[in-house]
Amino acid sequence: MTATAQERIDTLVKSHPVMVFMKGNKLMPQCGFSNNVVQILNILGIPFETFDVLEDAEIRQGIKEYSNWPTIPQVYLNGEFLGGSDIMIELYQSGQLREMVEVALAS
């Protein structure tokens, strides 16, 4: 990953309490996994920002190296990698996601 890509990702992750790197955007997800994440966050009423990795190949590859996680979407909460679609589904179903986000947004 280039230093420029690292810096851009750092800025995005640290500038938004909930940041989602995904295919498409929150209004038009371009894959089922990205749509799952958007639907979960919308159901919980959580404000979030998105970055469409389909529009930037450098970020699309760089985010995988940044998190050491091979798949997209990727969700960050207060600058920390939370997980992808499967982890978000598990956290949502267990009730942990709402609690984690409430704590993170309150701090």
C-alpha atoms as a PDB file:
ATOM      1  CA  MET A   1       0.000   0.000   0.000  1.00  0.00           C
ATOM      2  CA  THR A   2       1.297   3.430  -0.864  1.00  0.00           C
ATOM      3  CA  ALA A   3       1.820   6.069   1.806  1.00  0.00           C
ATOM      4  CA  THR A   4      -0.830   8.183   0.087  1.00  0.00           C
ATOM      5  CA  ALA A   5      -3.419   5.393   0.288  1.00  0.00           C
ATOM      6  CA  GLN A   6      -2.525   4.776   3.948  1.00  0.00           C
ATOM      7  CA  GLU A   7      -2.966   8.475   4.720  1.00  0.00           C
ATOM      8  CA  ARG A   8      -6.305   8.681   2.888  1.00  0.00           C
ATOM      9  CA  ILE A   9      -7.639   5.605   4.702  1.00  0.00           C
ATOM     10  CA  ASP A  10      -6.397   6.927   8.065  1.00  0.00           C
ATOM     11  CA  THR A  11      -8.166  10.223   7.450  1.00  0.00           C
ATOM     12  CA  LEU A  12     -11.447   8.539   6.478  1.00  0.00           C
ATOM     13  CA  VAL A  13     -11.383   6.097   9.387  1.00  0.00           C
ATOM     14  CA  LYS A  14     -10.525   8.755  11.963  1.00  0.00           C
ATOM     15  CA  SER A  15     -12.875  11.451  10.619  1.00  0.00           C
ATOM     16  CA  HIS A  16     -16.127   9.516  11.063  1.00  0.00           C
ATOM     17  CA  PRO A  17     -17.384   7.638  14.139  1.00  0.00           C
ATOM     18  CA  VAL A  18     -18.811   4.899  11.888  1.00  0.00           C
ATOM     19  CA  MET A  19     -17.073   4.411   8.528  1.00  0.00           C
ATOM     20  CA  VAL A  20     -17.962   1.711   6.014  1.00  0.00           C
ATOM     21  CA  PHE A  21     -15.738   0.771   3.074  1.00  0.00           C
ATOM     22  CA  MET A  22     -18.106  -0.967   0.683  1.00  0.00           C
ATOM     23  CA  LYS A  23     -19.102  -1.625  -2.894  1.00  0.00           C
ATOM     24  CA  GLY A  24     -21.462   1.189  -3.772  1.00  0.00           C
ATOM     25  CA  ASN A  25     -22.766   3.664  -1.219  1.00  0.00           C
ATOM     26  CA  LYS A  26     -25.414   3.834   1.482  1.00  0.00           C
ATOM     27  CA  LEU A  27     -28.079   4.833  -1.033  1.00  0.00           C
ATOM     28  CA  MET A  28     -27.120   2.221  -3.622  1.00  0.00           C
ATOM     29  CA  PRO A  29     -25.118  -0.754  -2.323  1.00  0.00           C
ATOM     30  CA  GLN A  30     -23.559  -2.737  -5.184  1.00  0.00           C
ATOM     31  CA  CYS A  31     -23.347  -6.152  -3.502  1.00  0.00           C
ATOM     32  CA  GLY A  32     -25.405  -8.179  -1.068  1.00  0.00           C
ATOM     33  CA  PHE A  33     -22.810  -8.096   1.699  1.00  0.00           C
ATOM     34  CA  SER A  34     -22.540  -4.310   1.530  1.00  0.00           C
ATOM     35  CA  ASN A  35     -26.344  -4.107   1.502  1.00  0.00           C
ATOM     36  CA  ASN A  36     -26.493  -6.250   4.683  1.00  0.00           C
ATOM     37  CA  VAL A  37     -24.269  -3.783   6.520  1.00  0.00           C
ATOM     38  CA  VAL A  38     -26.231  -0.752   5.288  1.00  0.00           C
ATOM     39  CA  GLN A  39     -29.550  -2.342   6.305  1.00  0.00           C
ATOM     40  CA  ILE A  40     -28.270  -3.202   9.802  1.00  0.00           C
ATOM     41  CA  LEU A  41     -26.943   0.306  10.411  1.00  0.00           C
ATOM     42  CA  ASN A  42     -30.161   1.847   9.050  1.00  0.00           C
ATOM     43  CA  ILE A  43     -32.382  -0.398  11.204  1.00  0.00           C
ATOM     44  CA  LEU A  44     -30.436   0.684  14.291  1.00  0.00           C
ATOM     45  CA  GLY A  45     -30.608   4.329  13.204  1.00  0.00           C
ATOM     46  CA  ILE A  46     -26.838   4.666  13.330  1.00  0.00           C
ATOM     47  CA  PRO A  47     -25.351   7.581  11.391  1.00  0.00           C
ATOM     48  CA  PHE A  48     -22.508   6.403   9.168  1.00  0.00           C
ATOM     49  CA  GLU A  49     -20.355   7.391   6.225  1.00  0.00           C
ATOM     50  CA  THR A  50     -19.382   5.206   3.288  1.00  0.00           C
ATOM     51  CA  PHE A  51     -16.551   4.984   0.791  1.00  0.00           C
ATOM     52  CA  ASP A  52     -17.207   3.248  -2.532  1.00  0.00           C
ATOM     53  CA  VAL A  53     -14.170   1.038  -3.177  1.00  0.00           C
ATOM     54  CA  LEU A  54     -15.369   0.390  -6.726  1.00  0.00           C
ATOM     55  CA  GLU A  55     -14.403   3.961  -7.575  1.00  0.00           C
ATOM     56  CA  ASP A  56     -10.821   3.739  -6.277  1.00  0.00           C
ATOM     57  CA  ALA A  57      -8.675   0.641  -6.916  1.00  0.00           C
ATOM     58  CA  GLU A  58      -5.872   1.892  -4.660  1.00  0.00           C
ATOM     59  CA  ILE A  59      -8.211   2.203  -1.665  1.00  0.00           C
ATOM     60  CA  ARG A  60      -9.987  -1.046  -2.586  1.00  0.00           C
ATOM     61  CA  GLN A  61      -6.713  -2.959  -2.228  1.00  0.00           C
ATOM     62  CA  GLY A  62      -5.245  -0.733   0.472  1.00  0.00           C
ATOM     63  CA  ILE A  63      -8.133  -1.190   2.902  1.00  0.00           C
ATOM     64  CA  LYS A  64      -7.553  -4.959   2.855  1.00  0.00           C
ATOM     65  CA  GLU A  65      -3.933  -4.417   3.867  1.00  0.00           C
ATOM     66  CA  TYR A  66      -4.847  -1.694   6.362  1.00  0.00           C
ATOM     67  CA  SER A  67      -7.133  -4.029   8.332  1.00  0.00           C
ATOM     68  CA  ASN A  68      -5.437  -7.297   7.423  1.00  0.00           C
ATOM     69  CA  TRP A  69      -8.929  -8.457   6.410  1.00  0.00           C
ATOM     70  CA  PRO A  70      -9.432  -9.878   2.899  1.00  0.00           C
ATOM     71  CA  THR A  71     -13.027  -8.932   2.175  1.00  0.00           C
ATOM     72  CA  ILE A  72     -15.259  -5.915   1.674  1.00  0.00           C
ATOM     73  CA  PRO A  73     -17.345  -4.409   3.248  1.00  0.00           C
ATOM     74  CA  GLN A  74     -15.330  -3.296   6.243  1.00  0.00           C
ATOM     75  CA  VAL A  75     -16.799  -1.358   9.153  1.00  0.00           C
ATOM     76  CA  TYR A  76     -14.799   0.906  11.464  1.00  0.00           C
ATOM     77  CA  LEU A  77     -16.080   2.202  14.786  1.00  0.00           C
ATOM     78  CA  ASN A  78     -14.193   5.155  16.297  1.00  0.00           C
ATOM     79  CA  GLY A  79     -11.152   4.320  14.190  1.00  0.00           C
ATOM     80  CA  GLU A  80     -11.084   0.616  15.081  1.00  0.00           C
ATOM     81  CA  PHE A  81     -11.838  -2.195  12.643  1.00  0.00           C
ATOM     82  CA  LEU A  82     -15.085  -3.852  13.692  1.00  0.00           C
ATOM     83  CA  GLY A  83     -15.553  -6.433  10.941  1.00  0.00           C
ATOM     84  CA  GLY A  84     -17.332  -7.306   7.742  1.00  0.00           C
ATOM     85  CA  SER A  85     -20.833  -8.423   6.861  1.00  0.00           C
ATOM     86  CA  ASP A  86     -20.847 -11.717   8.812  1.00  0.00           C
ATOM     87  CA  ILE A  87     -19.478 -10.129  11.979  1.00  0.00           C
ATOM     88  CA  MET A  88     -21.963  -7.256  11.714  1.00  0.00           C
ATOM     89  CA  ILE A  89     -24.840  -9.736  11.372  1.00  0.00           C
ATOM     90  CA  GLU A  90     -23.644 -11.662  14.447  1.00  0.00           C
ATOM     91  CA  LEU A  91     -23.201  -8.501  16.513  1.00  0.00           C
ATOM     92  CA  TYR A  92     -26.612  -7.212  15.432  1.00  0.00           C
ATOM     93  CA  GLN A  93     -28.426 -10.481  16.199  1.00  0.00           C
ATOM     94  CA  SER A  94     -26.815 -10.739  19.640  1.00  0.00           C
ATOM     95  CA  GLY A  95     -27.662  -7.129  20.505  1.00  0.00           C
ATOM     96  CA  GLN A  96     -23.992  -6.294  20.998  1.00  0.00           C
ATOM     97  CA  LEU A  97     -23.768  -3.952  18.015  1.00  0.00           C
ATOM     98  CA  ARG A  98     -26.275  -1.424  19.367  1.00  0.00           C
ATOM     99  CA  GLU A  99     -24.483  -1.408  22.718  1.00  0.00           C
ATOM    100  CA  MET A 100     -21.021  -1.030  21.141  1.00  0.00           C
ATOM    101  CA  VAL A 101     -22.147   1.846  18.941  1.00  0.00           C
ATOM    102  CA  GLU A 102     -23.966   3.644  21.770  1.00  0.00           C
ATOM    103  CA  VAL A 103     -20.845   3.470  23.925  1.00  0.00           C
ATOM    104  CA  ALA A 104     -18.577   4.564  21.069  1.00  0.00           C
ATOM    105  CA  LEU A 105     -20.784   7.487  20.025  1.00  0.00           C
ATOM    106  CA  ALA A 106     -21.175   8.663  23.626  1.00  0.00           C
ATOM    107  CA  SER A 107     -17.416   8.879  24.152  1.00  0.00           C
END
